Amino acid sequence: MEVIVKVFHSNPPCAKCKATEKVVAEVAKEYGGKVKVVSFSGLSEEADKYGVLMTPTVVINDQIVFSGKVPTKEEFKKAIENAMK
């Protein structure tokens, strides 16, 4: 099962947003193609669908999992594992 991760960031991406994208990309690599990562602006139509009010926001399979903070690799891995169940 593929997990879809959407990362919403400020424009231009702030330090927290860049750090979040780095954590997400590094963890996604460990799952060998089972985790698809897509980036969006926090001011996009896609962001409006989820009611994104803060960046960075991480959405996994259409559920907001992290908002306004940089997840640790462990927190993000746990969220991915939960999404794969």
PDB file of N, CA and C in Angstrom:
ATOM      1  N   MET A   1       0.841  -1.198   0.000  1.00  0.00           N
ATOM      2  CA  MET A   1       0.000   0.000   0.000  1.00  0.00           C
ATOM      3  C   MET A   1       0.878   1.251   0.000  1.00  0.00           C
ATOM      4  N   GLU A   2       0.584   2.160  -0.919  1.00  0.00           N
ATOM      5  CA  GLU A   2       1.356   3.405  -0.987  1.00  0.00           C
ATOM      6  C   GLU A   2       0.793   4.428   0.005  1.00  0.00           C
ATOM      7  N   VAL A   3       1.696   5.120   0.688  1.00  0.00           N
ATOM      8  CA  VAL A   3       1.311   6.175   1.615  1.00  0.00           C
ATOM      9  C   VAL A   3       1.612   7.505   0.940  1.00  0.00           C
ATOM     10  N   ILE A   4       0.620   8.401   0.934  1.00  0.00           N
ATOM     11  CA  ILE A   4       0.800   9.718   0.323  1.00  0.00           C
ATOM     12  C   ILE A   4       1.047  10.738   1.427  1.00  0.00           C
ATOM     13  N   VAL A   5       2.190  11.415   1.350  1.00  0.00           N
ATOM     14  CA  VAL A   5       2.547  12.438   2.325  1.00  0.00           C
ATOM     15  C   VAL A   5       2.555  13.782   1.608  1.00  0.00           C
ATOM     16  N   LYS A   6       1.807  14.738   2.163  1.00  0.00           N
ATOM     17  CA  LYS A   6       1.795  16.090   1.608  1.00  0.00           C
ATOM     18  C   LYS A   6       2.413  17.025   2.645  1.00  0.00           C
ATOM     19  N   VAL A   7       3.406  17.789   2.189  1.00  0.00           N
ATOM     20  CA  VAL A   7       4.063  18.746   3.070  1.00  0.00           C
ATOM     21  C   VAL A   7       3.687  20.142   2.593  1.00  0.00           C
ATOM     22  N   PHE A   8       3.091  20.923   3.493  1.00  0.00           N
ATOM     23  CA  PHE A   8       2.710  22.295   3.170  1.00  0.00           C
ATOM     24  C   PHE A   8       3.722  23.237   3.806  1.00  0.00           C
ATOM     25  N   HIS A   9       4.256  24.157   2.995  1.00  0.00           N
ATOM     26  CA  HIS A   9       5.310  25.052   3.471  1.00  0.00           C
ATOM     27  C   HIS A   9       4.993  26.499   3.130  1.00  0.00           C
ATOM     28  N   SER A  10       5.707  27.405   3.805  1.00  0.00           N
ATOM     29  CA  SER A  10       5.548  28.825   3.504  1.00  0.00           C
ATOM     30  C   SER A  10       6.252  29.119   2.184  1.00  0.00           C
ATOM     31  N   ASN A  11       5.992  30.285   1.631  1.00  0.00           N
ATOM     32  CA  ASN A  11       6.636  30.697   0.381  1.00  0.00           C
ATOM     33  C   ASN A  11       7.388  31.986   0.593  1.00  0.00           C
ATOM     34  N   PRO A  12       8.700  32.039   0.511  1.00  0.00           N
ATOM     35  CA  PRO A  12       9.607  30.905   0.331  1.00  0.00           C
ATOM     36  C   PRO A  12       9.643  30.043   1.599  1.00  0.00           C
ATOM     37  N   PRO A  13      10.068  28.782   1.470  1.00  0.00           N
ATOM     38  CA  PRO A  13      10.074  27.903   2.648  1.00  0.00           C
ATOM     39  C   PRO A  13      10.952  28.456   3.779  1.00  0.00           C
ATOM     40  N   CYS A  14      10.406  28.459   4.992  1.00  0.00           N
ATOM     41  CA  CYS A  14      11.145  28.927   6.166  1.00  0.00           C
ATOM     42  C   CYS A  14      12.066  27.806   6.665  1.00  0.00           C
ATOM     43  N   ALA A  15      12.863  28.093   7.674  1.00  0.00           N
ATOM     44  CA  ALA A  15      13.803  27.102   8.217  1.00  0.00           C
ATOM     45  C   ALA A  15      13.077  25.855   8.722  1.00  0.00           C
ATOM     46  N   LYS A  16      11.936  26.049   9.422  1.00  0.00           N
ATOM     47  CA  LYS A  16      11.166  24.899   9.936  1.00  0.00           C
ATOM     48  C   LYS A  16      10.623  24.060   8.779  1.00  0.00           C
ATOM     49  N   CYS A  17      10.170  24.743   7.730  1.00  0.00           N
ATOM     50  CA  CYS A  17       9.614  24.027   6.570  1.00  0.00           C
ATOM     51  C   CYS A  17      10.700  23.209   5.875  1.00  0.00           C
ATOM     52  N   LYS A  18      11.879  23.812   5.712  1.00  0.00           N
ATOM     53  CA  LYS A  18      12.990  23.098   5.073  1.00  0.00           C
ATOM     54  C   LYS A  18      13.401  21.889   5.915  1.00  0.00           C
ATOM     55  N   ALA A  19      13.454  22.071   7.233  1.00  0.00           N
ATOM     56  CA  ALA A  19      13.825  20.975   8.131  1.00  0.00           C
ATOM     57  C   ALA A  19      12.801  19.843   8.050  1.00  0.00           C
ATOM     58  N   THR A  20      11.519  20.210   7.986  1.00  0.00           N
ATOM     59  CA  THR A  20      10.448  19.210   7.878  1.00  0.00           C
ATOM     60  C   THR A  20      10.575  18.440   6.565  1.00  0.00           C
ATOM     61  N   GLU A  21      10.802  19.157   5.471  1.00  0.00           N
ATOM     62  CA  GLU A  21      10.933  18.491   4.168  1.00  0.00           C
ATOM     63  C   GLU A  21      12.124  17.543   4.156  1.00  0.00           C
ATOM     64  N   LYS A  22      13.196  17.915   4.854  1.00  0.00           N
ATOM     65  CA  LYS A  22      14.388  17.059   4.932  1.00  0.00           C
ATOM     66  C   LYS A  22      14.068  15.768   5.702  1.00  0.00           C
ATOM     67  N   VAL A  23      13.415  15.889   6.855  1.00  0.00           N
ATOM     68  CA  VAL A  23      13.042  14.717   7.663  1.00  0.00           C
ATOM     69  C   VAL A  23      12.135  13.792   6.845  1.00  0.00           C
ATOM     70  N   VAL A  24      11.120  14.379   6.205  1.00  0.00           N
ATOM     71  CA  VAL A  24      10.162  13.605   5.414  1.00  0.00           C
ATOM     72  C   VAL A  24      10.872  12.869   4.269  1.00  0.00           C
ATOM     73  N   ALA A  25      11.750  13.577   3.564  1.00  0.00           N
ATOM     74  CA  ALA A  25      12.458  12.963   2.428  1.00  0.00           C
ATOM     75  C   ALA A  25      13.369  11.823   2.891  1.00  0.00           C
ATOM     76  N   GLU A  26      14.087  12.038   4.006  1.00  0.00           N
ATOM     77  CA  GLU A  26      15.006  11.003   4.501  1.00  0.00           C
ATOM     78  C   GLU A  26      14.248   9.748   4.944  1.00  0.00           C
ATOM     79  N   VAL A  27      13.150   9.942   5.653  1.00  0.00           N
ATOM     80  CA  VAL A  27      12.369   8.795   6.126  1.00  0.00           C
ATOM     81  C   VAL A  27      11.690   8.096   4.945  1.00  0.00           C
ATOM     82  N   ALA A  28      11.150   8.870   4.011  1.00  0.00           N
ATOM     83  CA  ALA A  28      10.466   8.287   2.846  1.00  0.00           C
ATOM     84  C   ALA A  28      11.407   7.364   2.069  1.00  0.00           C
ATOM     85  N   LYS A  29      12.679   7.758   1.947  1.00  0.00           N
ATOM     86  CA  LYS A  29      13.678   6.939   1.240  1.00  0.00           C
ATOM     87  C   LYS A  29      13.797   5.553   1.857  1.00  0.00           C
ATOM     88  N   GLU A  30      13.684   5.493   3.189  1.00  0.00           N
ATOM     89  CA  GLU A  30      13.831   4.215   3.895  1.00  0.00           C
ATOM     90  C   GLU A  30      12.720   3.226   3.534  1.00  0.00           C
ATOM     91  N   TYR A  31      11.621   3.718   2.983  1.00  0.00           N
ATOM     92  CA  TYR A  31      10.495   2.842   2.646  1.00  0.00           C
ATOM     93  C   TYR A  31      10.494   2.422   1.183  1.00  0.00           C
ATOM     94  N   GLY A  32      11.560   2.730   0.468  1.00  0.00           N
ATOM     95  CA  GLY A  32      11.755   2.240  -0.898  1.00  0.00           C
ATOM     96  C   GLY A  32      10.575   2.377  -1.835  1.00  0.00           C
ATOM     97  N   GLY A  33      10.070   3.575  -1.998  1.00  0.00           N
ATOM     98  CA  GLY A  33       9.003   3.812  -2.974  1.00  0.00           C
ATOM     99  C   GLY A  33       7.593   3.592  -2.460  1.00  0.00           C
ATOM    100  N   LYS A  34       7.435   3.163  -1.214  1.00  0.00           N
ATOM    101  CA  LYS A  34       6.090   2.968  -0.665  1.00  0.00           C
ATOM    102  C   LYS A  34       5.508   4.264  -0.120  1.00  0.00           C
ATOM    103  N   VAL A  35       6.369   5.287   0.024  1.00  0.00           N
ATOM    104  CA  VAL A  35       5.924   6.576   0.543  1.00  0.00           C
ATOM    105  C   VAL A  35       6.147   7.627  -0.531  1.00  0.00           C
ATOM    106  N   LYS A  36       5.057   8.227  -0.988  1.00  0.00           N
ATOM    107  CA  LYS A  36       5.135   9.267  -2.022  1.00  0.00           C
ATOM    108  C   LYS A  36       4.998  10.629  -1.343  1.00  0.00           C
ATOM    109  N   VAL A  37       5.971  11.511  -1.589  1.00  0.00           N
ATOM    110  CA  VAL A  37       5.974  12.831  -0.960  1.00  0.00           C
ATOM    111  C   VAL A  37       5.679  13.903  -1.998  1.00  0.00           C
ATOM    112  N   VAL A  38       4.732  14.789  -1.667  1.00  0.00           N
ATOM    113  CA  VAL A  38       4.375  15.906  -2.543  1.00  0.00           C
ATOM    114  C   VAL A  38       4.421  17.174  -1.701  1.00  0.00           C
ATOM    115  N   SER A  39       4.991  18.230  -2.272  1.00  0.00           N
ATOM    116  CA  SER A  39       5.098  19.509  -1.556  1.00  0.00           C
ATOM    117  C   SER A  39       4.124  20.529  -2.116  1.00  0.00           C
ATOM    118  N   PHE A  40       3.558  21.328  -1.221  1.00  0.00           N
ATOM    119  CA  PHE A  40       2.623  22.379  -1.631  1.00  0.00           C
ATOM    120  C   PHE A  40       2.901  23.653  -0.841  1.00  0.00           C
ATOM    121  N   SER A  41       2.504  24.767  -1.414  1.00  0.00           N
ATOM    122  CA  SER A  41       2.530  26.027  -0.678  1.00  0.00           C
ATOM    123  C   SER A  41       1.390  26.012   0.331  1.00  0.00           C
ATOM    124  N   GLY A  42       1.607  26.632   1.486  1.00  0.00           N
ATOM    125  CA  GLY A  42       0.549  26.744   2.489  1.00  0.00           C
ATOM    126  C   GLY A  42      -0.588  27.636   2.035  1.00  0.00           C
ATOM    127  N   LEU A  43      -0.381  28.324   0.908  1.00  0.00           N
ATOM    128  CA  LEU A  43      -1.408  29.231   0.377  1.00  0.00           C
ATOM    129  C   LEU A  43      -2.063  28.669  -0.889  1.00  0.00           C
ATOM    130  N   SER A  44      -1.941  27.366  -1.095  1.00  0.00           N
ATOM    131  CA  SER A  44      -2.495  26.747  -2.301  1.00  0.00           C
ATOM    132  C   SER A  44      -3.929  26.274  -2.081  1.00  0.00           C
ATOM    133  N   GLU A  45      -4.605  25.947  -3.176  1.00  0.00           N
ATOM    134  CA  GLU A  45      -5.964  25.377  -3.086  1.00  0.00           C
ATOM    135  C   GLU A  45      -5.926  24.067  -2.310  1.00  0.00           C
ATOM    136  N   GLU A  46      -4.854  23.300  -2.514  1.00  0.00           N
ATOM    137  CA  GLU A  46      -4.687  22.024  -1.805  1.00  0.00           C
ATOM    138  C   GLU A  46      -4.657  22.274  -0.292  1.00  0.00           C
ATOM    139  N   ALA A  47      -3.961  23.311   0.134  1.00  0.00           N
ATOM    140  CA  ALA A  47      -3.884  23.662   1.563  1.00  0.00           C
ATOM    141  C   ALA A  47      -5.271  24.030   2.097  1.00  0.00           C
ATOM    142  N   ASP A  48      -6.049  24.724   1.278  1.00  0.00           N
ATOM    143  CA  ASP A  48      -7.410  25.114   1.679  1.00  0.00           C
ATOM    144  C   ASP A  48      -8.286  23.885   1.948  1.00  0.00           C
ATOM    145  N   LYS A  49      -8.079  22.811   1.166  1.00  0.00           N
ATOM    146  CA  LYS A  49      -8.855  21.570   1.351  1.00  0.00           C
ATOM    147  C   LYS A  49      -8.702  21.011   2.763  1.00  0.00           C
ATOM    148  N   TYR A  50      -7.502  21.195   3.330  1.00  0.00           N
ATOM    149  CA  TYR A  50      -7.209  20.641   4.656  1.00  0.00           C
ATOM    150  C   TYR A  50      -7.331  21.683   5.766  1.00  0.00           C
ATOM    151  N   GLY A  51      -7.622  22.924   5.399  1.00  0.00           N
ATOM    152  CA  GLY A  51      -7.721  23.972   6.398  1.00  0.00           C
ATOM    153  C   GLY A  51      -6.372  24.278   7.043  1.00  0.00           C
ATOM    154  N   VAL A  52      -5.310  24.227   6.238  1.00  0.00           N
ATOM    155  CA  VAL A  52      -3.964  24.487   6.752  1.00  0.00           C
ATOM    156  C   VAL A  52      -3.864  25.943   7.205  1.00  0.00           C
ATOM    157  N   LEU A  53      -3.557  26.131   8.487  1.00  0.00           N
ATOM    158  CA  LEU A  53      -3.434  27.476   9.058  1.00  0.00           C
ATOM    159  C   LEU A  53      -1.993  27.817   9.397  1.00  0.00           C
ATOM    160  N   MET A  54      -1.161  26.804   9.496  1.00  0.00           N
ATOM    161  CA  MET A  54       0.206  26.977   9.951  1.00  0.00           C
ATOM    162  C   MET A  54       1.139  26.137   9.101  1.00  0.00           C
ATOM    163  N   THR A  55       2.348  26.631   8.905  1.00  0.00           N
ATOM    164  CA  THR A  55       3.347  25.810   8.211  1.00  0.00           C
ATOM    165  C   THR A  55       4.513  25.597   9.163  1.00  0.00           C
ATOM    166  N   PRO A  56       5.218  24.510   9.053  1.00  0.00           N
ATOM    167  CA  PRO A  56       4.932  23.387   8.149  1.00  0.00           C
ATOM    168  C   PRO A  56       3.761  22.535   8.647  1.00  0.00           C
ATOM    169  N   THR A  57       3.010  21.997   7.701  1.00  0.00           N
ATOM    170  CA  THR A  57       1.947  21.038   8.028  1.00  0.00           C
ATOM    171  C   THR A  57       2.225  19.777   7.215  1.00  0.00           C
ATOM    172  N   VAL A  58       2.110  18.629   7.873  1.00  0.00           N
ATOM    173  CA  VAL A  58       2.323  17.343   7.198  1.00  0.00           C
ATOM    174  C   VAL A  58       1.005  16.573   7.225  1.00  0.00           C
ATOM    175  N   VAL A  59       0.564  16.168   6.040  1.00  0.00           N
ATOM    176  CA  VAL A  59      -0.669  15.390   5.882  1.00  0.00           C
ATOM    177  C   VAL A  59      -0.273  14.005   5.384  1.00  0.00           C
ATOM    178  N   ILE A  60      -0.762  12.973   6.064  1.00  0.00           N
ATOM    179  CA  ILE A  60      -0.497  11.597   5.623  1.00  0.00           C
ATOM    180  C   ILE A  60      -1.844  10.954   5.317  1.00  0.00           C
ATOM    181  N   ASN A  61      -1.987  10.503   4.060  1.00  0.00           N
ATOM    182  CA  ASN A  61      -3.244   9.882   3.610  1.00  0.00           C
ATOM    183  C   ASN A  61      -4.469  10.715   4.023  1.00  0.00           C
ATOM    184  N   ASP A  62      -4.424  11.991   3.720  1.00  0.00           N
ATOM    185  CA  ASP A  62      -5.534  12.929   3.940  1.00  0.00           C
ATOM    186  C   ASP A  62      -5.816  13.256   5.406  1.00  0.00           C
ATOM    187  N   GLN A  63      -4.888  12.972   6.311  1.00  0.00           N
ATOM    188  CA  GLN A  63      -5.053  13.336   7.721  1.00  0.00           C
ATOM    189  C   GLN A  63      -3.893  14.234   8.134  1.00  0.00           C
ATOM    190  N   ILE A  64      -4.217  15.384   8.754  1.00  0.00           N
ATOM    191  CA  ILE A  64      -3.153  16.249   9.259  1.00  0.00           C
ATOM    192  C   ILE A  64      -2.514  15.544  10.456  1.00  0.00           C
ATOM    193  N   VAL A  65      -1.203  15.358  10.390  1.00  0.00           N
ATOM    194  CA  VAL A  65      -0.489  14.633  11.430  1.00  0.00           C
ATOM    195  C   VAL A  65       0.400  15.569  12.250  1.00  0.00           C
ATOM    196  N   PHE A  66       1.014  16.543  11.580  1.00  0.00           N
ATOM    197  CA  PHE A  66       1.859  17.530  12.264  1.00  0.00           C
ATOM    198  C   PHE A  66       1.526  18.910  11.721  1.00  0.00           C
ATOM    199  N   SER A  67       1.475  19.889  12.602  1.00  0.00           N
ATOM    200  CA  SER A  67       1.198  21.253  12.164  1.00  0.00           C
ATOM    201  C   SER A  67       1.986  22.248  13.017  1.00  0.00           C
ATOM    202  N   GLY A  68       2.750  23.115  12.342  1.00  0.00           N
ATOM    203  CA  GLY A  68       3.479  24.159  13.049  1.00  0.00           C
ATOM    204  C   GLY A  68       4.722  23.703  13.769  1.00  0.00           C
ATOM    205  N   LYS A  69       5.135  22.448  13.535  1.00  0.00           N
ATOM    206  CA  LYS A  69       6.358  21.964  14.184  1.00  0.00           C
ATOM    207  C   LYS A  69       7.101  21.021  13.257  1.00  0.00           C
ATOM    208  N   VAL A  70       8.375  20.858  13.551  1.00  0.00           N
ATOM    209  CA  VAL A  70       9.194  19.925  12.780  1.00  0.00           C
ATOM    210  C   VAL A  70       9.150  18.569  13.487  1.00  0.00           C
ATOM    211  N   PRO A  71       8.605  17.536  12.827  1.00  0.00           N
ATOM    212  CA  PRO A  71       8.578  16.216  13.473  1.00  0.00           C
ATOM    213  C   PRO A  71       9.989  15.623  13.518  1.00  0.00           C
ATOM    214  N   THR A  72      10.273  14.844  14.555  1.00  0.00           N
ATOM    215  CA  THR A  72      11.540  14.106  14.578  1.00  0.00           C
ATOM    216  C   THR A  72      11.389  12.937  13.613  1.00  0.00           C
ATOM    217  N   LYS A  73      12.509  12.336  13.252  1.00  0.00           N
ATOM    218  CA  LYS A  73      12.449  11.158  12.366  1.00  0.00           C
ATOM    219  C   LYS A  73      11.607  10.068  13.015  1.00  0.00           C
ATOM    220  N   GLU A  74      11.768   9.893  14.337  1.00  0.00           N
ATOM    221  CA  GLU A  74      11.027   8.843  15.052  1.00  0.00           C
ATOM    222  C   GLU A  74       9.523   9.115  15.003  1.00  0.00           C
ATOM    223  N   GLU A  75       9.132  10.374  15.237  1.00  0.00           N
ATOM    224  CA  GLU A  75       7.699  10.727  15.208  1.00  0.00           C
ATOM    225  C   GLU A  75       7.118  10.481  13.820  1.00  0.00           C
ATOM    226  N   PHE A  76       7.883  10.870  12.797  1.00  0.00           N
ATOM    227  CA  PHE A  76       7.392  10.719  11.429  1.00  0.00           C
ATOM    228  C   PHE A  76       7.300   9.242  11.044  1.00  0.00           C
ATOM    229  N   LYS A  77       8.320   8.455  11.431  1.00  0.00           N
ATOM    230  CA  LYS A  77       8.290   7.007  11.138  1.00  0.00           C
ATOM    231  C   LYS A  77       7.058   6.365  11.784  1.00  0.00           C
ATOM    232  N   LYS A  78       6.780   6.739  13.027  1.00  0.00           N
ATOM    233  CA  LYS A  78       5.640   6.176  13.752  1.00  0.00           C
ATOM    234  C   LYS A  78       4.341   6.514  13.008  1.00  0.00           C
ATOM    235  N   ALA A  79       4.239   7.763  12.518  1.00  0.00           N
ATOM    236  CA  ALA A  79       3.050   8.192  11.767  1.00  0.00           C
ATOM    237  C   ALA A  79       2.906   7.400  10.468  1.00  0.00           C
ATOM    238  N   ILE A  80       4.034   7.139   9.800  1.00  0.00           N
ATOM    239  CA  ILE A  80       4.018   6.341   8.554  1.00  0.00           C
ATOM    240  C   ILE A  80       3.589   4.913   8.861  1.00  0.00           C
ATOM    241  N   GLU A  81       4.156   4.337   9.928  1.00  0.00           N
ATOM    242  CA  GLU A  81       3.797   2.956  10.322  1.00  0.00           C
ATOM    243  C   GLU A  81       2.297   2.858  10.615  1.00  0.00           C
ATOM    244  N   ASN A  82       1.757   3.855  11.326  1.00  0.00           N
ATOM    245  CA  ASN A  82       0.320   3.865  11.627  1.00  0.00           C
ATOM    246  C   ASN A  82      -0.506   3.947  10.346  1.00  0.00           C
ATOM    247  N   ALA A  83      -0.047   4.741   9.399  1.00  0.00           N
ATOM    248  CA  ALA A  83      -0.776   4.911   8.139  1.00  0.00           C
ATOM    249  C   ALA A  83      -0.761   3.624   7.312  1.00  0.00           C
ATOM    250  N   MET A  84       0.258   2.802   7.505  1.00  0.00           N
ATOM    251  CA  MET A  84       0.381   1.554   6.718  1.00  0.00           C
ATOM    252  C   MET A  84      -0.457   0.420   7.288  1.00  0.00           C
ATOM    253  N   LYS A  85      -0.995   0.592   8.479  1.00  0.00           N
ATOM    254  CA  LYS A  85      -1.778  -0.488   9.112  1.00  0.00           C
ATOM    255  C   LYS A  85      -3.107  -0.689   8.416  1.00  0.00           C
TER     256      LYS A  85
END
